[in-house]
């Protein structure tokens, strides 16, 4: 289902920052970039993942790597999530339809208790300073993931 692989370029689809401004992958040209896609603000796994990336944000910065957490949650919800947990890793909202997560194959049909619904597959993309995808993790297990991505960014 995933439609992005190492060596690919990311589609330059606009996301929305919590302050309402547009943010695009191309805004990070010349830097390494970690895009971590997660299902929903303020749920246990997603909170842990955001706290883990936030805790390591200074380390990512030291190796010239920008972070951007992405979900379908609206910008106002991201603001509350950031304030509630003191997050330092920036967040962005992906459009309801036709967004970056759709283009990459991370927004997909899921099922739980026999019910089908659309949902985010927890995934991470590491993009090199050359703008090419260096590594993709999908699906992601939260425990230890941010540290694993940091190691990959340091090695890039």
N, C-alpha and C. Protein backbone atom coordinates (compact mmCIF):
# COMPACT_ATOMS: atom_id res chain seq x y z
N UNK A 1 0.83 -1.20 0.00
CA UNK A 1 0.00 0.00 0.00
C UNK A 1 0.87 1.26 0.00
N UNK A 2 2.06 1.16 0.59
CA UNK A 2 2.94 2.32 0.64
C UNK A 2 3.42 2.65 -0.77
N UNK A 3 3.43 3.95 -1.10
CA UNK A 3 3.83 4.32 -2.45
C UNK A 3 5.03 5.27 -2.46
N UNK A 4 5.90 5.15 -1.46
CA UNK A 4 7.12 5.96 -1.40
C UNK A 4 8.26 5.02 -1.01
N UNK A 5 9.41 5.23 -1.62
CA UNK A 5 10.55 4.35 -1.36
C UNK A 5 11.84 5.17 -1.38
N UNK A 6 12.91 4.63 -0.77
CA UNK A 6 14.19 5.33 -0.82
C UNK A 6 14.57 5.68 -2.25
N UNK A 7 15.08 6.91 -2.42
CA UNK A 7 15.46 7.41 -3.73
C UNK A 7 14.38 8.27 -4.38
N UNK A 8 13.14 8.14 -3.90
CA UNK A 8 12.04 8.95 -4.44
C UNK A 8 12.12 10.39 -3.93
N UNK A 9 11.48 11.30 -4.66
CA UNK A 9 11.28 12.67 -4.18
C UNK A 9 9.89 12.74 -3.56
N UNK A 10 9.75 13.57 -2.53
CA UNK A 10 8.44 13.75 -1.91
C UNK A 10 7.57 14.65 -2.78
N UNK A 11 6.27 14.36 -2.85
CA UNK A 11 5.38 15.32 -3.50
C UNK A 11 5.34 16.59 -2.64
N UNK A 12 5.32 17.75 -3.27
CA UNK A 12 5.37 19.01 -2.52
C UNK A 12 3.96 19.51 -2.20
N UNK A 13 3.27 18.76 -1.38
CA UNK A 13 1.87 19.05 -1.03
C UNK A 13 1.84 19.90 0.24
N UNK A 14 1.07 20.99 0.19
CA UNK A 14 0.99 21.91 1.33
C UNK A 14 0.26 21.28 2.51
N UNK A 15 0.81 21.53 3.69
CA UNK A 15 0.22 21.17 4.97
C UNK A 15 -0.10 22.48 5.67
N UNK A 16 -0.81 22.41 6.79
CA UNK A 16 -1.14 23.62 7.52
C UNK A 16 -0.52 23.59 8.91
N UNK A 17 0.30 24.59 9.22
CA UNK A 17 0.91 24.71 10.54
C UNK A 17 -0.18 25.11 11.55
N UNK A 18 0.07 24.91 12.85
CA UNK A 18 -0.93 25.29 13.85
C UNK A 18 -1.35 26.76 13.79
N UNK A 19 -0.47 27.64 13.29
CA UNK A 19 -0.82 29.06 13.20
C UNK A 19 -1.59 29.39 11.91
N UNK A 20 -1.88 28.35 11.12
CA UNK A 20 -2.68 28.54 9.90
C UNK A 20 -1.86 28.78 8.64
N UNK A 21 -0.54 28.93 8.77
CA UNK A 21 0.30 29.14 7.59
C UNK A 21 0.55 27.81 6.87
N UNK A 22 0.88 27.92 5.59
CA UNK A 22 1.19 26.72 4.81
C UNK A 22 2.63 26.29 5.06
N UNK A 23 2.84 24.99 5.09
CA UNK A 23 4.18 24.42 5.21
C UNK A 23 4.27 23.29 4.19
N UNK A 24 5.38 23.26 3.46
CA UNK A 24 5.58 22.26 2.41
C UNK A 24 6.92 21.56 2.61
N UNK A 25 7.04 20.33 2.12
CA UNK A 25 8.36 19.68 2.20
C UNK A 25 9.47 20.52 1.58
N UNK A 26 9.17 21.27 0.51
CA UNK A 26 10.20 22.08 -0.15
C UNK A 26 10.71 23.22 0.74
N UNK A 27 9.96 23.58 1.79
CA UNK A 27 10.42 24.61 2.72
C UNK A 27 11.69 24.18 3.45
N UNK A 28 11.98 22.89 3.44
CA UNK A 28 13.12 22.35 4.17
C UNK A 28 14.27 21.99 3.23
N UNK A 29 14.23 22.51 2.01
CA UNK A 29 15.27 22.20 1.01
C UNK A 29 16.66 22.49 1.57
N UNK A 30 17.58 21.56 1.33
CA UNK A 30 18.95 21.72 1.80
C UNK A 30 19.19 21.20 3.20
N UNK A 31 18.12 20.78 3.88
CA UNK A 31 18.23 20.19 5.22
C UNK A 31 17.71 18.77 5.17
N UNK A 32 18.15 17.96 6.11
CA UNK A 32 17.52 16.66 6.28
C UNK A 32 16.18 16.91 6.97
N UNK A 33 15.23 16.04 6.71
CA UNK A 33 13.87 16.22 7.24
C UNK A 33 13.29 14.89 7.67
N UNK A 34 12.69 14.88 8.86
CA UNK A 34 11.95 13.72 9.34
C UNK A 34 10.48 14.10 9.37
N UNK A 35 9.68 13.39 8.59
CA UNK A 35 8.22 13.55 8.64
C UNK A 35 7.67 12.34 9.37
N UNK A 36 7.05 12.58 10.52
CA UNK A 36 6.44 11.44 11.22
C UNK A 36 4.93 11.60 11.21
N UNK A 37 4.28 10.62 10.60
CA UNK A 37 2.83 10.60 10.44
C UNK A 37 2.23 9.78 11.57
N UNK A 38 1.24 10.34 12.24
CA UNK A 38 0.62 9.64 13.37
C UNK A 38 -0.90 9.80 13.31
N UNK A 39 -1.64 8.86 13.92
CA UNK A 39 -3.10 8.86 13.77
C UNK A 39 -3.86 10.04 14.39
N UNK A 40 -3.59 10.37 15.66
CA UNK A 40 -4.48 11.33 16.32
C UNK A 40 -3.81 11.98 17.53
N UNK A 41 -3.98 13.31 17.63
CA UNK A 41 -3.47 14.05 18.79
C UNK A 41 -4.09 13.52 20.07
N UNK A 42 -3.29 13.55 21.13
CA UNK A 42 -3.74 13.28 22.49
C UNK A 42 -4.26 11.86 22.73
N UNK A 43 -3.77 10.91 21.96
CA UNK A 43 -4.03 9.50 22.26
C UNK A 43 -2.72 8.94 22.82
N UNK A 44 -2.76 7.86 23.58
CA UNK A 44 -1.54 7.41 24.27
C UNK A 44 -0.31 7.21 23.38
N UNK A 45 -0.42 6.41 22.32
CA UNK A 45 0.74 6.15 21.46
C UNK A 45 1.23 7.40 20.76
N UNK A 46 0.30 8.22 20.30
CA UNK A 46 0.67 9.43 19.56
C UNK A 46 1.31 10.46 20.49
N UNK A 47 0.82 10.55 21.72
CA UNK A 47 1.41 11.46 22.69
C UNK A 47 2.84 11.02 23.01
N UNK A 48 3.03 9.72 23.24
CA UNK A 48 4.36 9.19 23.52
C UNK A 48 5.31 9.47 22.36
N UNK A 49 4.85 9.22 21.13
CA UNK A 49 5.70 9.44 19.96
C UNK A 49 6.10 10.92 19.84
N UNK A 50 5.13 11.83 20.02
CA UNK A 50 5.43 13.26 19.94
C UNK A 50 6.36 13.70 21.06
N UNK A 51 6.17 13.18 22.27
CA UNK A 51 7.06 13.52 23.39
C UNK A 51 8.48 12.99 23.12
N UNK A 52 8.59 11.79 22.55
CA UNK A 52 9.91 11.21 22.25
C UNK A 52 10.65 12.05 21.21
N UNK A 53 9.95 12.44 20.11
CA UNK A 53 10.61 13.27 19.10
C UNK A 53 10.95 14.64 19.69
N UNK A 54 10.06 15.20 20.52
CA UNK A 54 10.33 16.50 21.14
C UNK A 54 11.55 16.42 22.05
N UNK A 55 11.66 15.34 22.82
CA UNK A 55 12.79 15.17 23.74
C UNK A 55 14.13 15.12 22.98
N UNK A 56 14.09 14.64 21.74
CA UNK A 56 15.31 14.52 20.95
C UNK A 56 15.48 15.64 19.92
N UNK A 57 14.59 16.65 19.95
CA UNK A 57 14.62 17.68 18.90
C UNK A 57 15.95 18.42 18.84
N UNK A 58 16.58 18.68 19.97
CA UNK A 58 17.88 19.37 19.97
C UNK A 58 18.95 18.49 19.31
N UNK A 59 18.86 17.18 19.53
CA UNK A 59 19.82 16.25 18.91
C UNK A 59 19.63 16.21 17.39
N UNK A 60 18.37 16.22 16.95
CA UNK A 60 18.09 16.25 15.52
C UNK A 60 18.65 17.55 14.92
N UNK A 61 18.45 18.65 15.65
CA UNK A 61 18.93 19.95 15.17
C UNK A 61 20.46 19.94 15.01
N UNK A 62 21.16 19.31 15.94
CA UNK A 62 22.62 19.24 15.89
C UNK A 62 23.12 18.56 14.61
N UNK A 63 22.33 17.64 14.07
CA UNK A 63 22.74 16.94 12.85
C UNK A 63 22.00 17.49 11.62
N UNK A 64 21.52 18.74 11.72
CA UNK A 64 20.92 19.42 10.59
C UNK A 64 19.64 18.79 10.08
N UNK A 65 18.84 18.28 11.01
CA UNK A 65 17.62 17.56 10.62
C UNK A 65 16.39 18.23 11.23
N UNK A 66 15.47 18.65 10.37
CA UNK A 66 14.21 19.24 10.82
C UNK A 66 13.21 18.12 11.11
N UNK A 67 12.30 18.39 12.03
CA UNK A 67 11.24 17.45 12.38
C UNK A 67 9.90 18.05 12.00
N UNK A 68 8.95 17.20 11.60
CA UNK A 68 7.59 17.64 11.36
C UNK A 68 6.64 16.48 11.59
N UNK A 69 5.80 16.61 12.63
CA UNK A 69 4.79 15.61 12.93
C UNK A 69 3.52 15.94 12.16
N UNK A 70 2.89 14.94 11.56
CA UNK A 70 1.74 15.17 10.69
C UNK A 70 0.59 14.24 11.04
N UNK A 71 -0.60 14.84 11.19
CA UNK A 71 -1.83 14.05 11.32
C UNK A 71 -2.94 14.81 10.61
N UNK A 72 -4.12 14.22 10.58
CA UNK A 72 -5.27 14.86 9.94
C UNK A 72 -5.99 15.80 10.91
N UNK A 73 -5.51 15.87 12.16
CA UNK A 73 -6.15 16.76 13.14
C UNK A 73 -6.08 18.21 12.68
N UNK A 74 -7.10 19.02 12.98
CA UNK A 74 -7.08 20.43 12.57
C UNK A 74 -6.03 21.24 13.33
N UNK A 75 -5.59 22.37 12.76
CA UNK A 75 -4.55 23.20 13.40
C UNK A 75 -4.86 23.57 14.84
N UNK A 76 -6.12 23.92 15.16
CA UNK A 76 -6.45 24.32 16.55
C UNK A 76 -6.23 23.16 17.52
N UNK A 77 -6.53 21.95 17.08
CA UNK A 77 -6.30 20.79 17.94
C UNK A 77 -4.81 20.58 18.16
N UNK A 78 -4.01 20.79 17.10
CA UNK A 78 -2.55 20.70 17.25
C UNK A 78 -2.06 21.71 18.28
N UNK A 79 -2.58 22.95 18.24
CA UNK A 79 -2.16 23.97 19.20
C UNK A 79 -2.41 23.51 20.64
N UNK A 80 -3.60 22.99 20.89
CA UNK A 80 -3.94 22.50 22.24
C UNK A 80 -3.02 21.35 22.65
N UNK A 81 -2.74 20.45 21.72
CA UNK A 81 -1.88 19.28 21.96
C UNK A 81 -0.46 19.75 22.32
N UNK A 82 0.07 20.71 21.56
CA UNK A 82 1.40 21.26 21.79
C UNK A 82 1.46 21.91 23.17
N UNK A 83 0.47 22.74 23.50
CA UNK A 83 0.45 23.44 24.78
C UNK A 83 0.30 22.48 25.94
N UNK A 84 -0.60 21.52 25.81
CA UNK A 84 -0.86 20.57 26.90
C UNK A 84 0.38 19.77 27.27
N UNK A 85 1.18 19.37 26.25
CA UNK A 85 2.31 18.48 26.51
C UNK A 85 3.68 19.15 26.36
N UNK A 86 3.71 20.45 26.07
CA UNK A 86 4.98 21.16 25.92
C UNK A 86 5.83 20.61 24.78
N UNK A 87 5.17 20.27 23.68
CA UNK A 87 5.89 19.67 22.55
C UNK A 87 6.79 20.70 21.85
N UNK A 88 7.97 20.26 21.44
CA UNK A 88 8.89 21.14 20.71
C UNK A 88 9.05 20.71 19.26
N UNK A 89 8.65 19.49 18.93
CA UNK A 89 8.69 19.05 17.53
C UNK A 89 7.48 19.69 16.83
N UNK A 90 7.71 20.45 15.76
CA UNK A 90 6.61 21.12 15.06
C UNK A 90 5.59 20.12 14.50
N UNK A 91 4.35 20.56 14.44
CA UNK A 91 3.26 19.74 13.90
C UNK A 91 2.61 20.44 12.71
N UNK A 92 1.98 19.65 11.87
CA UNK A 92 1.24 20.19 10.73
C UNK A 92 0.01 19.33 10.49
N UNK A 93 -1.02 19.97 9.95
CA UNK A 93 -2.26 19.27 9.61
C UNK A 93 -2.26 18.92 8.14
N UNK A 94 -2.61 17.68 7.86
CA UNK A 94 -2.72 17.20 6.49
C UNK A 94 -4.16 17.39 6.03
N UNK A 95 -4.39 17.86 4.81
CA UNK A 95 -5.77 18.06 4.34
C UNK A 95 -6.60 16.79 4.45
N UNK A 96 -7.90 16.97 4.61
CA UNK A 96 -8.82 15.84 4.74
C UNK A 96 -8.69 14.87 3.57
N UNK A 97 -8.65 15.41 2.35
CA UNK A 97 -8.54 14.56 1.17
C UNK A 97 -7.43 15.07 0.27
N UNK A 98 -6.72 14.14 -0.36
CA UNK A 98 -5.68 14.52 -1.31
C UNK A 98 -4.43 15.08 -0.67
N UNK A 99 -4.21 14.78 0.59
CA UNK A 99 -3.05 15.30 1.31
C UNK A 99 -1.80 14.47 1.10
N UNK A 100 -0.75 14.87 1.79
CA UNK A 100 0.54 14.19 1.68
C UNK A 100 0.44 12.74 2.12
N UNK A 101 -0.27 12.49 3.22
CA UNK A 101 -0.40 11.11 3.70
C UNK A 101 -1.15 10.24 2.69
N UNK A 102 -2.11 10.83 1.97
CA UNK A 102 -2.81 10.09 0.92
C UNK A 102 -1.82 9.74 -0.21
N UNK A 103 -1.04 10.74 -0.64
CA UNK A 103 -0.10 10.57 -1.74
C UNK A 103 0.96 9.52 -1.43
N UNK A 104 1.34 9.42 -0.15
CA UNK A 104 2.38 8.48 0.25
C UNK A 104 1.83 7.10 0.60
N UNK A 105 0.50 6.98 0.64
CA UNK A 105 -0.12 5.69 0.96
C UNK A 105 -0.26 5.41 2.44
N UNK A 106 -0.08 6.43 3.29
CA UNK A 106 -0.19 6.23 4.74
C UNK A 106 -1.62 6.42 5.26
N UNK A 107 -2.48 7.09 4.50
CA UNK A 107 -3.89 7.27 4.85
C UNK A 107 -4.62 6.17 4.10
N UNK A 108 -5.11 5.19 4.81
CA UNK A 108 -5.62 4.00 4.17
C UNK A 108 -6.80 3.40 4.93
N UNK A 109 -7.44 2.45 4.31
CA UNK A 109 -8.58 1.79 4.96
C UNK A 109 -8.06 0.84 6.03
N UNK A 110 -8.66 0.95 7.20
CA UNK A 110 -8.32 0.08 8.32
C UNK A 110 -9.62 -0.59 8.78
N UNK A 111 -9.49 -1.58 9.65
CA UNK A 111 -10.70 -2.16 10.23
C UNK A 111 -10.44 -2.54 11.68
N UNK A 112 -11.48 -2.34 12.48
CA UNK A 112 -11.43 -2.69 13.89
C UNK A 112 -12.81 -3.19 14.29
N UNK A 113 -12.84 -4.32 14.94
CA UNK A 113 -14.11 -4.92 15.37
C UNK A 113 -15.09 -5.06 14.21
N UNK A 114 -14.56 -5.41 13.03
CA UNK A 114 -15.41 -5.62 11.87
C UNK A 114 -15.88 -4.36 11.17
N UNK A 115 -15.45 -3.20 11.67
CA UNK A 115 -15.87 -1.93 11.07
C UNK A 115 -14.71 -1.37 10.26
N UNK A 116 -14.97 -0.96 9.03
CA UNK A 116 -13.94 -0.35 8.19
C UNK A 116 -13.99 1.17 8.32
N UNK A 117 -12.82 1.78 8.30
CA UNK A 117 -12.73 3.24 8.38
C UNK A 117 -11.40 3.66 7.78
N UNK A 118 -11.27 4.94 7.45
CA UNK A 118 -10.01 5.47 6.95
C UNK A 118 -9.17 5.92 8.15
N UNK A 119 -7.88 5.62 8.10
CA UNK A 119 -7.01 5.99 9.20
C UNK A 119 -5.57 6.08 8.77
N UNK A 120 -4.78 6.70 9.63
CA UNK A 120 -3.36 6.91 9.37
C UNK A 120 -2.56 5.69 9.83
N UNK A 121 -1.70 5.19 8.96
CA UNK A 121 -0.73 4.17 9.34
C UNK A 121 0.46 4.93 9.92
N UNK A 122 0.78 4.67 11.18
CA UNK A 122 1.90 5.36 11.82
C UNK A 122 3.17 5.07 11.00
N UNK A 123 3.75 6.12 10.43
CA UNK A 123 4.86 5.97 9.50
C UNK A 123 5.83 7.13 9.64
N UNK A 124 7.08 6.91 9.27
CA UNK A 124 8.09 7.97 9.32
C UNK A 124 8.90 7.93 8.03
N UNK A 125 9.20 9.12 7.52
CA UNK A 125 10.01 9.26 6.32
C UNK A 125 11.21 10.14 6.66
N UNK A 126 12.41 9.66 6.35
CA UNK A 126 13.63 10.45 6.51
C UNK A 126 14.07 10.88 5.12
N UNK A 127 14.17 12.20 4.94
CA UNK A 127 14.55 12.78 3.66
C UNK A 127 15.95 13.38 3.81
N UNK A 128 16.81 13.09 2.86
CA UNK A 128 18.16 13.63 2.89
C UNK A 128 18.18 15.09 2.47
N UNK A 129 19.30 15.76 2.69
CA UNK A 129 19.45 17.17 2.31
C UNK A 129 19.31 17.37 0.80
N UNK A 130 19.47 16.28 0.04
CA UNK A 130 19.32 16.34 -1.42
C UNK A 130 17.85 16.27 -1.85
N UNK A 131 16.93 16.15 -0.86
CA UNK A 131 15.51 16.10 -1.17
C UNK A 131 14.99 14.72 -1.52
N UNK A 132 15.85 13.72 -1.47
CA UNK A 132 15.45 12.34 -1.80
C UNK A 132 15.15 11.57 -0.51
N UNK A 133 14.16 10.69 -0.59
CA UNK A 133 13.83 9.84 0.55
C UNK A 133 15.01 8.92 0.82
N UNK A 134 15.48 8.93 2.08
CA UNK A 134 16.59 8.08 2.48
C UNK A 134 16.09 6.78 3.12
N UNK A 135 14.99 6.89 3.89
CA UNK A 135 14.49 5.72 4.61
C UNK A 135 13.02 5.91 4.93
N UNK A 136 12.28 4.80 4.95
CA UNK A 136 10.86 4.82 5.30
C UNK A 136 10.62 3.73 6.35
N UNK A 137 9.92 4.10 7.42
CA UNK A 137 9.48 3.14 8.43
C UNK A 137 7.95 3.11 8.36
N UNK A 138 7.35 1.97 8.07
CA UNK A 138 5.89 1.87 8.02
C UNK A 138 5.48 0.40 8.02
N UNK A 139 4.66 -0.02 8.99
CA UNK A 139 4.18 0.74 10.14
C UNK A 139 5.26 0.86 11.22
N UNK A 140 5.04 1.78 12.15
CA UNK A 140 6.00 2.09 13.21
C UNK A 140 5.49 1.59 14.56
N UNK A 141 6.41 1.03 15.32
CA UNK A 141 6.16 0.75 16.74
C UNK A 141 6.79 1.92 17.50
N UNK A 142 6.05 2.55 18.42
CA UNK A 142 6.48 3.79 19.05
C UNK A 142 7.73 3.63 19.92
N UNK A 143 7.79 2.58 20.72
CA UNK A 143 8.88 2.43 21.69
C UNK A 143 10.25 2.40 20.99
N UNK A 144 11.09 3.38 21.32
CA UNK A 144 12.44 3.45 20.79
C UNK A 144 12.54 3.98 19.36
N UNK A 145 11.41 4.31 18.75
CA UNK A 145 11.42 4.72 17.35
C UNK A 145 12.15 6.05 17.11
N UNK A 146 11.87 7.07 17.93
CA UNK A 146 12.51 8.38 17.71
C UNK A 146 14.03 8.25 17.78
N UNK A 147 14.53 7.44 18.71
CA UNK A 147 15.99 7.24 18.84
C UNK A 147 16.54 6.53 17.61
N UNK A 148 15.79 5.56 17.07
CA UNK A 148 16.21 4.84 15.86
C UNK A 148 16.29 5.80 14.67
N UNK A 149 15.32 6.70 14.56
CA UNK A 149 15.31 7.67 13.46
C UNK A 149 16.47 8.64 13.63
N UNK A 150 16.76 9.05 14.86
CA UNK A 150 17.90 9.94 15.11
C UNK A 150 19.20 9.29 14.67
N UNK A 151 19.38 8.00 14.98
CA UNK A 151 20.59 7.27 14.55
C UNK A 151 20.71 7.29 13.03
N UNK A 152 19.59 7.06 12.34
CA UNK A 152 19.59 7.06 10.87
C UNK A 152 19.93 8.46 10.32
N UNK A 153 19.40 9.50 10.98
CA UNK A 153 19.68 10.88 10.55
C UNK A 153 21.16 11.21 10.78
N UNK A 154 21.71 10.75 11.89
CA UNK A 154 23.13 11.00 12.19
C UNK A 154 24.02 10.31 11.15
N UNK A 155 23.60 9.15 10.67
CA UNK A 155 24.40 8.37 9.73
C UNK A 155 24.29 8.89 8.29
N UNK A 156 23.29 9.73 8.06
CA UNK A 156 23.02 10.20 6.69
C UNK A 156 23.94 11.34 6.29
